[in-house]
Amino acid sequence: MKVVVQRSKQAKVVIEGETVGAIDFGLVLLVGITHEDTEADMVWMADKVANLRIFEDESGKMNYSVTDIGGQLLSVSQFTLYGDCRKGRRPNFMAAARPEQAEQLYDKFNETLRYAGLVVETGRFGAMMDVELVNSGPVTLILESGA
């Protein structure tokens, strides 16, 4: 599992002119799932995201998590995170999980974050989406399970 974490002042997902998910201060999560991922990976990653200390304290040090600050999450499924561009000019997406498997695990990931008490907005799995965000910092990190 790969998650691109972007600290955000505000963000939203728009599909065909309709806003389907929006947050204020918090994190935007681009979520990629591969064939080997399990529910345990989703739980591990949800805990990592919820407790990752990437928000500044009064001294300007990254000591607070999204949970600590009461921030929100915008979670967007992103199979292209598993695009392999090493050969040729077109990405190969063979490492991305099939939609049936990926959607179930993506839902588990978001459900686990909500169970931890976080507000989680989402896009729509499998849809063409426009993601708008104001990246705060900018702070962008890539998390991987099993790495």
C-alpha atoms as a PDB file:
ATOM      1  CA  MET A   1       0.000   0.000   0.000  1.00  0.00           C
ATOM      2  CA  LYS A   2       1.198   3.483  -0.834  1.00  0.00           C
ATOM      3  CA  VAL A   3      -0.249   6.706   0.486  1.00  0.00           C
ATOM      4  CA  VAL A   4       0.862  10.157  -0.595  1.00  0.00           C
ATOM      5  CA  VAL A   5       0.152  12.421   2.386  1.00  0.00           C
ATOM      6  CA  GLN A   6      -0.202  16.135   1.743  1.00  0.00           C
ATOM      7  CA  ARG A   7      -0.728  18.619   4.541  1.00  0.00           C
ATOM      8  CA  SER A   8      -3.523  20.901   3.396  1.00  0.00           C
ATOM      9  CA  LYS A   9      -5.215  24.148   4.375  1.00  0.00           C
ATOM     10  CA  GLN A  10      -8.261  23.158   2.329  1.00  0.00           C
ATOM     11  CA  ALA A  11      -9.097  20.586  -0.309  1.00  0.00           C
ATOM     12  CA  LYS A  12     -11.962  19.153  -2.310  1.00  0.00           C
ATOM     13  CA  VAL A  13     -12.838  16.525  -4.884  1.00  0.00           C
ATOM     14  CA  VAL A  14     -15.055  17.516  -7.791  1.00  0.00           C
ATOM     15  CA  ILE A  15     -16.741  15.088 -10.193  1.00  0.00           C
ATOM     16  CA  GLU A  16     -18.542  16.513 -13.226  1.00  0.00           C
ATOM     17  CA  GLY A  17     -18.882  19.910 -11.535  1.00  0.00           C
ATOM     18  CA  GLU A  18     -20.179  18.494  -8.229  1.00  0.00           C
ATOM     19  CA  THR A  19     -18.141  18.659  -5.018  1.00  0.00           C
ATOM     20  CA  VAL A  20     -18.333  15.161  -3.532  1.00  0.00           C
ATOM     21  CA  GLY A  21     -15.854  15.610  -0.662  1.00  0.00           C
ATOM     22  CA  ALA A  22     -14.241  18.640   0.978  1.00  0.00           C
ATOM     23  CA  ILE A  23     -12.156  19.435   4.046  1.00  0.00           C
ATOM     24  CA  ASP A  24     -10.660  22.402   5.787  1.00  0.00           C
ATOM     25  CA  PHE A  25      -7.316  22.061   7.586  1.00  0.00           C
ATOM     26  CA  GLY A  26      -5.928  18.526   7.592  1.00  0.00           C
ATOM     27  CA  LEU A  27      -4.495  15.941   5.203  1.00  0.00           C
ATOM     28  CA  VAL A  28      -5.133  14.897   1.632  1.00  0.00           C
ATOM     29  CA  LEU A  29      -4.430  11.188   1.136  1.00  0.00           C
ATOM     30  CA  LEU A  30      -3.823   9.687  -2.305  1.00  0.00           C
ATOM     31  CA  VAL A  31      -4.278   5.963  -1.659  1.00  0.00           C
ATOM     32  CA  GLY A  32      -2.814   3.200  -3.844  1.00  0.00           C
ATOM     33  CA  ILE A  33      -3.419  -0.502  -3.222  1.00  0.00           C
ATOM     34  CA  THR A  34      -1.491  -3.434  -4.676  1.00  0.00           C
ATOM     35  CA  HIS A  35      -2.237  -7.174  -4.987  1.00  0.00           C
ATOM     36  CA  GLU A  36      -0.428  -8.232  -1.811  1.00  0.00           C
ATOM     37  CA  ASP A  37      -2.203  -5.746   0.465  1.00  0.00           C
ATOM     38  CA  THR A  38      -4.401  -7.072   3.255  1.00  0.00           C
ATOM     39  CA  GLU A  39      -6.785  -5.666   5.837  1.00  0.00           C
ATOM     40  CA  ALA A  40      -3.827  -5.662   8.255  1.00  0.00           C
ATOM     41  CA  ASP A  41      -2.012  -3.275   5.887  1.00  0.00           C
ATOM     42  CA  MET A  42      -5.047  -0.975   5.911  1.00  0.00           C
ATOM     43  CA  VAL A  43      -5.161  -0.925   9.715  1.00  0.00           C
ATOM     44  CA  TRP A  44      -1.399  -0.320   9.987  1.00  0.00           C
ATOM     45  CA  MET A  45      -1.540   2.526   7.464  1.00  0.00           C
ATOM     46  CA  ALA A  46      -4.585   4.127   9.082  1.00  0.00           C
ATOM     47  CA  ASP A  47      -2.748   4.174  12.420  1.00  0.00           C
ATOM     48  CA  LYS A  48       0.358   5.629  10.749  1.00  0.00           C
ATOM     49  CA  VAL A  49      -1.656   8.401   9.060  1.00  0.00           C
ATOM     50  CA  ALA A  50      -3.686   9.234  12.170  1.00  0.00           C
ATOM     51  CA  ASN A  51      -0.593   9.551  14.359  1.00  0.00           C
ATOM     52  CA  LEU A  52       2.035  10.910  11.952  1.00  0.00           C
ATOM     53  CA  ARG A  53       3.442  14.050  13.561  1.00  0.00           C
ATOM     54  CA  ILE A  54       3.645  16.549  10.697  1.00  0.00           C
ATOM     55  CA  PHE A  55       1.939  19.626  12.160  1.00  0.00           C
ATOM     56  CA  GLU A  56       3.973  22.260  13.977  1.00  0.00           C
ATOM     57  CA  ASP A  57       3.778  22.976  17.681  1.00  0.00           C
ATOM     58  CA  GLU A  58       4.288  26.417  19.247  1.00  0.00           C
ATOM     59  CA  SER A  59       8.062  26.096  18.642  1.00  0.00           C
ATOM     60  CA  GLY A  60       7.661  25.329  14.940  1.00  0.00           C
ATOM     61  CA  LYS A  61       8.617  21.653  15.355  1.00  0.00           C
ATOM     62  CA  MET A  62       6.552  18.884  13.777  1.00  0.00           C
ATOM     63  CA  ASN A  63       5.136  17.430  16.974  1.00  0.00           C
ATOM     64  CA  TYR A  64       1.392  17.188  16.301  1.00  0.00           C
ATOM     65  CA  SER A  65      -0.618  14.649  14.324  1.00  0.00           C
ATOM     66  CA  VAL A  66      -3.866  15.251  12.457  1.00  0.00           C
ATOM     67  CA  THR A  67      -5.564  13.598  15.439  1.00  0.00           C
ATOM     68  CA  ASP A  68      -3.887  16.025  17.872  1.00  0.00           C
ATOM     69  CA  ILE A  69      -5.018  19.107  15.961  1.00  0.00           C
ATOM     70  CA  GLY A  70      -8.539  17.844  15.203  1.00  0.00           C
ATOM     71  CA  GLY A  71      -7.860  18.004  11.474  1.00  0.00           C
ATOM     72  CA  GLN A  72      -9.843  16.364   8.719  1.00  0.00           C
ATOM     73  CA  LEU A  73      -8.897  13.883   5.990  1.00  0.00           C
ATOM     74  CA  LEU A  74      -9.685  13.809   2.294  1.00  0.00           C
ATOM     75  CA  SER A  75      -8.997  10.280   1.043  1.00  0.00           C
ATOM     76  CA  VAL A  76      -8.794   9.691  -2.715  1.00  0.00           C
ATOM     77  CA  SER A  77      -8.246   6.293  -4.351  1.00  0.00           C
ATOM     78  CA  GLN A  78      -5.252   6.485  -6.700  1.00  0.00           C
ATOM     79  CA  PHE A  79      -4.330   3.299  -8.587  1.00  0.00           C
ATOM     80  CA  THR A  80      -1.778   5.265 -10.640  1.00  0.00           C
ATOM     81  CA  LEU A  81       0.552   5.240  -7.619  1.00  0.00           C
ATOM     82  CA  TYR A  82       1.396   1.730  -8.802  1.00  0.00           C
ATOM     83  CA  GLY A  83       2.187   2.810 -12.351  1.00  0.00           C
ATOM     84  CA  ASP A  84       5.549   1.389 -13.446  1.00  0.00           C
ATOM     85  CA  CYS A  85       7.286   3.773 -15.856  1.00  0.00           C
ATOM     86  CA  ARG A  86      10.683   2.065 -16.039  1.00  0.00           C
ATOM     87  CA  LYS A  87      10.123   0.592 -19.516  1.00  0.00           C
ATOM     88  CA  GLY A  88       8.597   2.235 -22.551  1.00  0.00           C
ATOM     89  CA  ARG A  89       6.620   5.444 -22.552  1.00  0.00           C
ATOM     90  CA  ARG A  90       3.296   4.221 -21.196  1.00  0.00           C
ATOM     91  CA  PRO A  91       2.844   3.299 -17.519  1.00  0.00           C
ATOM     92  CA  ASN A  92       2.194  -0.347 -16.674  1.00  0.00           C
ATOM     93  CA  PHE A  93      -0.430  -0.728 -13.937  1.00  0.00           C
ATOM     94  CA  MET A  94      -0.039  -4.482 -13.361  1.00  0.00           C
ATOM     95  CA  ALA A  95       1.034  -3.896  -9.740  1.00  0.00           C
ATOM     96  CA  ALA A  96      -2.237  -2.120  -8.875  1.00  0.00           C
ATOM     97  CA  ALA A  97      -4.882  -4.312  -7.248  1.00  0.00           C
ATOM     98  CA  ARG A  98      -7.964  -5.222  -9.282  1.00  0.00           C
ATOM     99  CA  PRO A  99     -10.852  -2.816  -8.616  1.00  0.00           C
ATOM    100  CA  GLU A 100     -12.925  -5.380  -6.687  1.00  0.00           C
ATOM    101  CA  GLN A 101     -10.097  -6.024  -4.212  1.00  0.00           C
ATOM    102  CA  ALA A 102      -8.895  -2.423  -4.071  1.00  0.00           C
ATOM    103  CA  GLU A 103     -12.315  -0.912  -3.362  1.00  0.00           C
ATOM    104  CA  GLN A 104     -12.964  -3.262  -0.459  1.00  0.00           C
ATOM    105  CA  LEU A 105      -9.563  -2.507   1.098  1.00  0.00           C
ATOM    106  CA  TYR A 106      -9.869   1.235   0.435  1.00  0.00           C
ATOM    107  CA  ASP A 107     -13.223   1.216   2.262  1.00  0.00           C
ATOM    108  CA  LYS A 108     -11.603  -0.655   5.179  1.00  0.00           C
ATOM    109  CA  PHE A 109      -8.812   1.955   5.338  1.00  0.00           C
ATOM    110  CA  ASN A 110     -11.314   4.840   5.521  1.00  0.00           C
ATOM    111  CA  GLU A 111     -13.526   2.973   7.995  1.00  0.00           C
ATOM    112  CA  THR A 112     -10.512   2.418  10.282  1.00  0.00           C
ATOM    113  CA  LEU A 113      -9.665   6.135  10.188  1.00  0.00           C
ATOM    114  CA  ARG A 114     -13.266   7.028  11.054  1.00  0.00           C
ATOM    115  CA  TYR A 115     -13.253   4.495  13.886  1.00  0.00           C
ATOM    116  CA  ALA A 116     -10.203   6.369  15.256  1.00  0.00           C
ATOM    117  CA  GLY A 117     -12.445   9.448  15.519  1.00  0.00           C
ATOM    118  CA  LEU A 118     -11.297  11.317  12.426  1.00  0.00           C
ATOM    119  CA  VAL A 119     -13.529  13.079   9.919  1.00  0.00           C
ATOM    120  CA  VAL A 120     -12.903  11.394   6.552  1.00  0.00           C
ATOM    121  CA  GLU A 121     -14.221  12.765   3.282  1.00  0.00           C
ATOM    122  CA  THR A 122     -13.655  10.815   0.066  1.00  0.00           C
ATOM    123  CA  GLY A 123     -13.865  11.021  -3.667  1.00  0.00           C
ATOM    124  CA  ARG A 124     -15.714   8.325  -5.599  1.00  0.00           C
ATOM    125  CA  PHE A 125     -13.851   5.070  -6.225  1.00  0.00           C
ATOM    126  CA  GLY A 126     -13.079   4.549  -9.907  1.00  0.00           C
ATOM    127  CA  ALA A 127     -14.396   7.936 -11.036  1.00  0.00           C
ATOM    128  CA  MET A 128     -12.543  10.635 -12.966  1.00  0.00           C
ATOM    129  CA  MET A 129     -11.963  13.247 -10.274  1.00  0.00           C
ATOM    130  CA  ASP A 130     -10.540  16.734 -10.032  1.00  0.00           C
ATOM    131  CA  VAL A 131      -8.672  17.178  -6.750  1.00  0.00           C
ATOM    132  CA  GLU A 132      -8.045  20.719  -5.587  1.00  0.00           C
ATOM    133  CA  LEU A 133      -5.867  21.522  -2.603  1.00  0.00           C
ATOM    134  CA  VAL A 134      -3.835  24.202  -0.946  1.00  0.00           C
ATOM    135  CA  ASN A 135      -0.725  22.283   0.166  1.00  0.00           C
ATOM    136  CA  SER A 136       0.408  23.737   3.481  1.00  0.00           C
ATOM    137  CA  GLY A 137       4.168  24.073   3.844  1.00  0.00           C
ATOM    138  CA  PRO A 138       4.297  22.408   1.371  1.00  0.00           C
ATOM    139  CA  VAL A 139       4.520  19.123   3.235  1.00  0.00           C
ATOM    140  CA  THR A 140       4.204  15.965   1.118  1.00  0.00           C
ATOM    141  CA  LEU A 141       5.274  12.494   2.261  1.00  0.00           C
ATOM    142  CA  ILE A 142       5.022   9.021   0.753  1.00  0.00           C
ATOM    143  CA  LEU A 143       4.127   6.190   3.124  1.00  0.00           C
ATOM    144  CA  GLU A 144       4.401   2.503   2.221  1.00  0.00           C
ATOM    145  CA  SER A 145       3.245  -0.546   4.118  1.00  0.00           C
ATOM    146  CA  GLY A 146       5.606  -3.474   4.337  1.00  0.00           C
ATOM    147  CA  ALA A 147       8.560  -1.249   3.449  1.00  0.00           C
END
